[in-house]
Amino acid sequence: MSEEKTLEELQEENRKLQEENERLNKSLKERMYDKINVSVRTMDIFIGCMCVLFVAVVILGMLK
């Protein structure tokens, strides 16, 4: 049996490597959108609310 890969196997491996390369070149925000199945607008609203909540907690922590 030969150790050489067939053309189909090489194409499949190339496709997987290209997908991984595209995934690694995305920003953190884009990778988060890929993992969570919600609209971009909903995710932006959620991230904004979490930022506002974080700032409020920091300000309340400084007041005490």
N, C-alpha and C. Protein backbone atom coordinates (compact mmCIF):
# COMPACT_ATOMS: atom_id res chain seq x y z
N MET A 1 0.84 -1.19 0.00
CA MET A 1 0.00 0.00 0.00
C MET A 1 0.88 1.25 0.00
N SER A 2 0.50 2.22 -0.78
CA SER A 2 1.32 3.43 -0.87
C SER A 2 0.93 4.41 0.23
N GLU A 3 1.89 5.22 0.60
CA GLU A 3 1.69 6.20 1.67
C GLU A 3 1.16 7.52 1.12
N GLU A 4 1.09 7.65 -0.19
CA GLU A 4 0.67 8.90 -0.79
C GLU A 4 -0.83 9.13 -0.59
N LYS A 5 -1.16 10.39 -0.38
CA LYS A 5 -2.57 10.75 -0.20
C LYS A 5 -3.20 10.96 -1.57
N THR A 6 -4.45 10.65 -1.63
CA THR A 6 -5.17 10.87 -2.89
C THR A 6 -5.47 12.35 -3.06
N LEU A 7 -5.82 12.73 -4.25
CA LEU A 7 -6.15 14.12 -4.55
C LEU A 7 -7.33 14.59 -3.70
N GLU A 8 -8.32 13.74 -3.50
CA GLU A 8 -9.49 14.12 -2.69
C GLU A 8 -9.09 14.37 -1.24
N GLU A 9 -8.21 13.52 -0.70
CA GLU A 9 -7.77 13.69 0.68
C GLU A 9 -7.00 15.00 0.84
N LEU A 10 -6.14 15.31 -0.14
CA LEU A 10 -5.38 16.54 -0.09
C LEU A 10 -6.29 17.77 -0.20
N GLN A 11 -7.31 17.69 -1.05
CA GLN A 11 -8.24 18.80 -1.19
C GLN A 11 -9.02 19.01 0.10
N GLU A 12 -9.44 17.93 0.74
CA GLU A 12 -10.18 18.02 2.01
C GLU A 12 -9.29 18.63 3.10
N GLU A 13 -8.05 18.19 3.16
CA GLU A 13 -7.12 18.73 4.15
C GLU A 13 -6.86 20.22 3.89
N ASN A 14 -6.73 20.58 2.63
CA ASN A 14 -6.53 21.98 2.26
C ASN A 14 -7.74 22.82 2.65
N ARG A 15 -8.94 22.32 2.42
CA ARG A 15 -10.16 23.04 2.78
C ARG A 15 -10.23 23.26 4.29
N LYS A 16 -9.90 22.23 5.07
CA LYS A 16 -9.92 22.35 6.53
C LYS A 16 -8.90 23.38 7.02
N LEU A 17 -7.71 23.37 6.42
CA LEU A 17 -6.69 24.33 6.81
C LEU A 17 -7.09 25.76 6.44
N GLN A 18 -7.74 25.93 5.30
CA GLN A 18 -8.21 27.26 4.91
C GLN A 18 -9.28 27.76 5.88
N GLU A 19 -10.20 26.89 6.29
CA GLU A 19 -11.24 27.28 7.25
C GLU A 19 -10.63 27.68 8.58
N GLU A 20 -9.63 26.91 9.04
CA GLU A 20 -8.97 27.22 10.31
C GLU A 20 -8.24 28.55 10.20
N ASN A 21 -7.59 28.80 9.06
CA ASN A 21 -6.88 30.06 8.85
C ASN A 21 -7.85 31.23 8.87
N GLU A 22 -9.00 31.09 8.23
CA GLU A 22 -10.01 32.15 8.23
C GLU A 22 -10.52 32.41 9.64
N ARG A 23 -10.72 31.32 10.38
CA ARG A 23 -11.21 31.45 11.76
C ARG A 23 -10.20 32.19 12.64
N LEU A 24 -8.93 31.89 12.46
CA LEU A 24 -7.90 32.52 13.29
C LEU A 24 -7.70 33.99 12.93
N ASN A 25 -8.03 34.38 11.71
CA ASN A 25 -7.84 35.76 11.28
C ASN A 25 -9.02 36.65 11.65
N LYS A 26 -10.07 36.09 12.21
CA LYS A 26 -11.23 36.89 12.60
C LYS A 26 -10.98 37.55 13.94
N SER A 27 -11.65 38.68 14.16
CA SER A 27 -11.54 39.36 15.44
C SER A 27 -12.30 38.56 16.51
N LEU A 28 -12.04 38.92 17.75
CA LEU A 28 -12.70 38.23 18.87
C LEU A 28 -14.21 38.35 18.75
N LYS A 29 -14.68 39.54 18.35
CA LYS A 29 -16.11 39.78 18.21
C LYS A 29 -16.72 38.87 17.13
N GLU A 30 -16.04 38.75 15.99
CA GLU A 30 -16.54 37.89 14.92
C GLU A 30 -16.55 36.43 15.32
N ARG A 31 -15.52 36.00 16.07
CA ARG A 31 -15.51 34.60 16.52
C ARG A 31 -16.63 34.32 17.50
N MET A 32 -16.97 35.33 18.33
CA MET A 32 -18.07 35.16 19.27
C MET A 32 -19.40 35.03 18.51
N TYR A 33 -19.56 35.83 17.44
CA TYR A 33 -20.78 35.74 16.64
C TYR A 33 -20.92 34.35 16.00
N ASP A 34 -19.80 33.74 15.61
CA ASP A 34 -19.83 32.42 14.99
C ASP A 34 -20.29 31.35 15.98
N LYS A 35 -19.92 31.49 17.25
CA LYS A 35 -20.25 30.47 18.24
C LYS A 35 -21.67 30.58 18.78
N ILE A 36 -22.17 31.80 18.88
CA ILE A 36 -23.49 32.02 19.47
C ILE A 36 -24.48 32.33 18.36
N ASN A 37 -25.57 31.58 18.31
CA ASN A 37 -26.51 31.68 17.20
C ASN A 37 -27.59 32.75 17.47
N VAL A 38 -27.16 34.02 17.50
CA VAL A 38 -28.09 35.15 17.62
C VAL A 38 -27.69 36.19 16.57
N SER A 39 -28.57 37.16 16.35
CA SER A 39 -28.26 38.18 15.36
C SER A 39 -27.16 39.10 15.87
N VAL A 40 -26.51 39.76 14.95
CA VAL A 40 -25.42 40.68 15.30
C VAL A 40 -25.96 41.83 16.14
N ARG A 41 -27.13 42.33 15.79
CA ARG A 41 -27.72 43.44 16.54
C ARG A 41 -28.00 43.04 17.99
N THR A 42 -28.54 41.85 18.20
CA THR A 42 -28.82 41.37 19.55
C THR A 42 -27.53 41.23 20.35
N MET A 43 -26.49 40.69 19.72
CA MET A 43 -25.22 40.53 20.41
C MET A 43 -24.61 41.89 20.76
N ASP A 44 -24.72 42.87 19.85
CA ASP A 44 -24.21 44.21 20.13
C ASP A 44 -24.94 44.85 21.31
N ILE A 45 -26.25 44.68 21.37
CA ILE A 45 -27.04 45.22 22.48
C ILE A 45 -26.61 44.56 23.79
N PHE A 46 -26.43 43.24 23.77
CA PHE A 46 -26.01 42.51 24.98
C PHE A 46 -24.64 42.99 25.44
N ILE A 47 -23.69 43.13 24.53
CA ILE A 47 -22.34 43.58 24.88
C ILE A 47 -22.40 45.00 25.45
N GLY A 48 -23.20 45.86 24.86
CA GLY A 48 -23.35 47.22 25.37
C GLY A 48 -23.92 47.25 26.78
N CYS A 49 -24.92 46.44 27.02
CA CYS A 49 -25.52 46.37 28.37
C CYS A 49 -24.51 45.85 29.39
N MET A 50 -23.73 44.87 29.01
CA MET A 50 -22.71 44.33 29.93
C MET A 50 -21.64 45.39 30.24
N CYS A 51 -21.29 46.22 29.26
CA CYS A 51 -20.31 47.29 29.49
C CYS A 51 -20.88 48.33 30.46
N VAL A 52 -22.13 48.71 30.25
CA VAL A 52 -22.78 49.68 31.14
C VAL A 52 -22.87 49.11 32.55
N LEU A 53 -23.23 47.85 32.68
CA LEU A 53 -23.32 47.21 34.00
C LEU A 53 -21.96 47.17 34.68
N PHE A 54 -20.90 46.88 33.93
CA PHE A 54 -19.55 46.85 34.48
C PHE A 54 -19.16 48.23 35.02
N VAL A 55 -19.44 49.28 34.24
CA VAL A 55 -19.10 50.63 34.68
C VAL A 55 -19.89 50.99 35.93
N ALA A 56 -21.15 50.62 35.99
CA ALA A 56 -21.98 50.90 37.18
C ALA A 56 -21.43 50.19 38.41
N VAL A 57 -21.00 48.95 38.25
CA VAL A 57 -20.43 48.20 39.39
C VAL A 57 -19.13 48.86 39.85
N VAL A 58 -18.29 49.29 38.93
CA VAL A 58 -17.04 49.95 39.30
C VAL A 58 -17.32 51.26 40.03
N ILE A 59 -18.26 52.04 39.54
CA ILE A 59 -18.59 53.32 40.19
C ILE A 59 -19.17 53.08 41.59
N LEU A 60 -20.08 52.10 41.70
CA LEU A 60 -20.64 51.80 43.03
C LEU A 60 -19.55 51.29 43.98
N GLY A 61 -18.60 50.54 43.46
CA GLY A 61 -17.50 50.05 44.28
C GLY A 61 -16.62 51.19 44.77
N MET A 62 -16.44 52.21 43.97
CA MET A 62 -15.62 53.35 44.37
C MET A 62 -16.33 54.21 45.40
N LEU A 63 -17.68 54.24 45.40
CA LEU A 63 -18.44 55.06 46.33
C LEU A 63 -18.43 54.47 47.74
N LYS A 64 -18.26 53.20 47.86
CA LYS A 64 -18.33 52.57 49.17
C LYS A 64 -17.06 52.68 49.93
